[in-house]
Amino acid sequence: MDTELRATHDLPLSSFDVLFQLALAPMGRLRLSELGDKLLITLSGISRLVDRLERVGLVRRETDPEDRRSYYAMLTVEGEARLCRAQPTHVARVWSPTPPRAPAPIPARR
C-alpha cells in the first residue's frame, strides 16, 4: 500500500495516516502528543513527520494558546485535498479481496 500511495499520490502511508487522523479530529487539529499516541509514534518521530508534511504544505503547526510548550498539527486545504485524492487508493487496497502477495508463513514455536 505504501508503494502504491507513494507512486500514485506522492504520499507515504505514514503521511496518509497523519492526514487521516487530522481529518477525523475536531477542527482538523491534534496536539503532536495526541497524534503520536494515535499512530503509535514517539513525540520526536511525529515531530519529524509533521516537519516534512509542513514543508510541503499539507499541515501547519500552531502553538497551543493554553500551553506554549505544546503544538498542534493542523490539516491545510492542500492536505485535505491530497487526502481526498489518495483515499480511493487506500480503500481499494484495504478492501482488496486478495493481498498483493502472500504473507510469509509464521515459523512454528519450539
C-alpha atoms as a PDB file:
ATOM      1  CA  MET A   1       0.000   0.000   0.000  1.00  0.00           C
ATOM      2  CA  ASP A   2       2.845   2.365   0.845  1.00  0.00           C
ATOM      3  CA  THR A   3       4.420   1.849  -2.582  1.00  0.00           C
ATOM      4  CA  GLU A   4       1.125   2.486  -4.362  1.00  0.00           C
ATOM      5  CA  LEU A   5       0.336   5.628  -2.340  1.00  0.00           C
ATOM      6  CA  ARG A   6       3.848   6.983  -2.988  1.00  0.00           C
ATOM      7  CA  ALA A   7       3.731   6.256  -6.708  1.00  0.00           C
ATOM      8  CA  THR A   8       0.199   7.496  -7.312  1.00  0.00           C
ATOM      9  CA  HIS A   9      -0.102  10.397  -4.864  1.00  0.00           C
ATOM     10  CA  ASP A  10       3.447  11.145  -3.663  1.00  0.00           C
ATOM     11  CA  LEU A  11       2.175  10.349  -0.180  1.00  0.00           C
ATOM     12  CA  PRO A  12       3.747   7.660   2.040  1.00  0.00           C
ATOM     13  CA  LEU A  13       1.393   5.595   4.178  1.00  0.00           C
ATOM     14  CA  SER A  14       2.709   7.257   7.349  1.00  0.00           C
ATOM     15  CA  SER A  15       1.801  10.672   5.927  1.00  0.00           C
ATOM     16  CA  PHE A  16      -1.614   9.402   4.819  1.00  0.00           C
ATOM     17  CA  ASP A  17      -2.210   8.208   8.389  1.00  0.00           C
ATOM     18  CA  VAL A  18      -1.350  11.650   9.798  1.00  0.00           C
ATOM     19  CA  LEU A  19      -3.664  13.434   7.361  1.00  0.00           C
ATOM     20  CA  PHE A  20      -6.447  10.934   8.042  1.00  0.00           C
ATOM     21  CA  GLN A  21      -6.201  11.362  11.831  1.00  0.00           C
ATOM     22  CA  LEU A  22      -6.237  15.147  11.460  1.00  0.00           C
ATOM     23  CA  ALA A  23      -9.282  14.960   9.176  1.00  0.00           C
ATOM     24  CA  LEU A  24     -11.124  12.981  11.863  1.00  0.00           C
ATOM     25  CA  ALA A  25     -10.144  15.393  14.647  1.00  0.00           C
ATOM     26  CA  PRO A  26     -12.292  18.330  15.780  1.00  0.00           C
ATOM     27  CA  MET A  27     -11.312  21.435  13.803  1.00  0.00           C
ATOM     28  CA  GLY A  28      -8.799  19.316  11.842  1.00  0.00           C
ATOM     29  CA  ARG A  29      -6.131  19.554  14.503  1.00  0.00           C
ATOM     30  CA  LEU A  30      -4.478  17.499  17.233  1.00  0.00           C
ATOM     31  CA  ARG A  31      -1.675  18.099  19.691  1.00  0.00           C
ATOM     32  CA  LEU A  32       1.501  16.446  18.466  1.00  0.00           C
ATOM     33  CA  SER A  33       1.495  14.203  21.533  1.00  0.00           C
ATOM     34  CA  GLU A  34      -2.098  13.069  20.819  1.00  0.00           C
ATOM     35  CA  LEU A  35      -1.284  12.453  17.166  1.00  0.00           C
ATOM     36  CA  GLY A  36       1.766  10.405  18.125  1.00  0.00           C
ATOM     37  CA  ASP A  37      -0.317   8.373  20.583  1.00  0.00           C
ATOM     38  CA  LYS A  38      -2.945   7.616  17.936  1.00  0.00           C
ATOM     39  CA  LEU A  39      -0.313   6.487  15.443  1.00  0.00           C
ATOM     40  CA  LEU A  40       1.968   4.761  17.975  1.00  0.00           C
ATOM     41  CA  ILE A  41       4.858   7.087  17.093  1.00  0.00           C
ATOM     42  CA  THR A  42       7.190   8.759  19.585  1.00  0.00           C
ATOM     43  CA  LEU A  43       6.956  12.510  20.081  1.00  0.00           C
ATOM     44  CA  SER A  44      10.261  13.062  18.272  1.00  0.00           C
ATOM     45  CA  GLY A  45       9.139  10.787  15.413  1.00  0.00           C
ATOM     46  CA  ILE A  46       5.808  12.547  14.955  1.00  0.00           C
ATOM     47  CA  SER A  47       7.552  15.915  15.164  1.00  0.00           C
ATOM     48  CA  ARG A  48       9.874  14.958  12.288  1.00  0.00           C
ATOM     49  CA  LEU A  49       6.964  13.600  10.246  1.00  0.00           C
ATOM     50  CA  VAL A  50       4.932  16.774  10.808  1.00  0.00           C
ATOM     51  CA  ASP A  51       8.005  18.835   9.828  1.00  0.00           C
ATOM     52  CA  ARG A  52       8.121  17.028   6.463  1.00  0.00           C
ATOM     53  CA  LEU A  53       4.386  17.495   5.897  1.00  0.00           C
ATOM     54  CA  GLU A  54       4.628  21.145   6.878  1.00  0.00           C
ATOM     55  CA  ARG A  55       7.447  21.755   4.359  1.00  0.00           C
ATOM     56  CA  VAL A  56       5.188  20.561   1.514  1.00  0.00           C
ATOM     57  CA  GLY A  57       2.145  22.480   2.778  1.00  0.00           C
ATOM     58  CA  LEU A  58      -0.053  19.560   3.863  1.00  0.00           C
ATOM     59  CA  VAL A  59      -0.161  20.518   7.552  1.00  0.00           C
ATOM     60  CA  ARG A  60       0.794  23.513   9.623  1.00  0.00           C
ATOM     61  CA  ARG A  61       1.987  23.739  13.162  1.00  0.00           C
ATOM     62  CA  GLU A  62       0.294  26.043  15.664  1.00  0.00           C
ATOM     63  CA  THR A  63       1.204  26.835  19.266  1.00  0.00           C
ATOM     64  CA  ASP A  64      -1.349  25.777  21.875  1.00  0.00           C
ATOM     65  CA  PRO A  65      -2.611  29.081  23.347  1.00  0.00           C
ATOM     66  CA  GLU A  66      -3.177  27.408  26.727  1.00  0.00           C
ATOM     67  CA  ASP A  67       0.234  25.717  26.892  1.00  0.00           C
ATOM     68  CA  ARG A  68       3.036  27.418  24.972  1.00  0.00           C
ATOM     69  CA  ARG A  69       5.139  24.234  25.246  1.00  0.00           C
ATOM     70  CA  SER A  70       2.648  22.231  23.159  1.00  0.00           C
ATOM     71  CA  TYR A  71       1.964  22.406  19.445  1.00  0.00           C
ATOM     72  CA  TYR A  72      -0.971  21.423  17.296  1.00  0.00           C
ATOM     73  CA  ALA A  73      -0.692  19.871  13.857  1.00  0.00           C
ATOM     74  CA  MET A  74      -3.454  21.276  11.654  1.00  0.00           C
ATOM     75  CA  LEU A  75      -4.695  19.974   8.319  1.00  0.00           C
ATOM     76  CA  THR A  76      -4.338  22.526   5.497  1.00  0.00           C
ATOM     77  CA  VAL A  77      -6.635  22.860   2.497  1.00  0.00           C
ATOM     78  CA  GLU A  78      -3.937  21.223   0.343  1.00  0.00           C
ATOM     79  CA  GLY A  79      -3.541  18.438   2.910  1.00  0.00           C
ATOM     80  CA  GLU A  80      -7.269  17.760   2.840  1.00  0.00           C
ATOM     81  CA  ALA A  81      -7.267  17.763  -0.975  1.00  0.00           C
ATOM     82  CA  ARG A  82      -4.331  15.321  -1.134  1.00  0.00           C
ATOM     83  CA  LEU A  83      -6.031  13.057   1.402  1.00  0.00           C
ATOM     84  CA  CYS A  84      -9.257  13.080  -0.630  1.00  0.00           C
ATOM     85  CA  ARG A  85      -7.346  12.154  -3.795  1.00  0.00           C
ATOM     86  CA  ALA A  86      -5.468   9.346  -2.001  1.00  0.00           C
ATOM     87  CA  GLN A  87      -8.427   7.819  -0.154  1.00  0.00           C
ATOM     88  CA  PRO A  88      -9.745   5.753  -3.094  1.00  0.00           C
ATOM     89  CA  THR A  89      -6.299   4.141  -3.496  1.00  0.00           C
ATOM     90  CA  HIS A  90      -6.148   3.393   0.222  1.00  0.00           C
ATOM     91  CA  VAL A  91      -9.691   1.998   0.353  1.00  0.00           C
ATOM     92  CA  ALA A  92      -9.137  -0.143  -2.741  1.00  0.00           C
ATOM     93  CA  ARG A  93      -6.049  -1.704  -1.171  1.00  0.00           C
ATOM     94  CA  VAL A  94      -7.637  -2.209   2.270  1.00  0.00           C
ATOM     95  CA  TRP A  95     -10.748  -3.827   0.814  1.00  0.00           C
ATOM     96  CA  SER A  96      -8.948  -5.768  -1.929  1.00  0.00           C
ATOM     97  CA  PRO A  97     -10.233  -9.376  -1.955  1.00  0.00           C
ATOM     98  CA  THR A  98      -6.694 -10.741  -2.265  1.00  0.00           C
ATOM     99  CA  PRO A  99      -3.476  -9.369  -0.843  1.00  0.00           C
ATOM    100  CA  PRO A 100      -0.895  -8.162  -3.382  1.00  0.00           C
ATOM    101  CA  ARG A 101       1.371 -11.041  -2.294  1.00  0.00           C
ATOM    102  CA  ALA A 102       1.013 -13.936   0.079  1.00  0.00           C
ATOM    103  CA  PRO A 103       2.409 -13.295   3.548  1.00  0.00           C
ATOM    104  CA  ALA A 104       5.353 -15.363   4.708  1.00  0.00           C
ATOM    105  CA  PRO A 105       4.359 -18.308   6.879  1.00  0.00           C
ATOM    106  CA  ILE A 106       4.821 -17.831  10.611  1.00  0.00           C
ATOM    107  CA  PRO A 107       7.508 -20.182  11.915  1.00  0.00           C
ATOM    108  CA  ALA A 108       6.397 -22.789  14.421  1.00  0.00           C
ATOM    109  CA  ARG A 109       7.342 -22.187  18.047  1.00  0.00           C
ATOM    110  CA  ARG A 110       9.603 -24.739  19.618  1.00  0.00           C
END
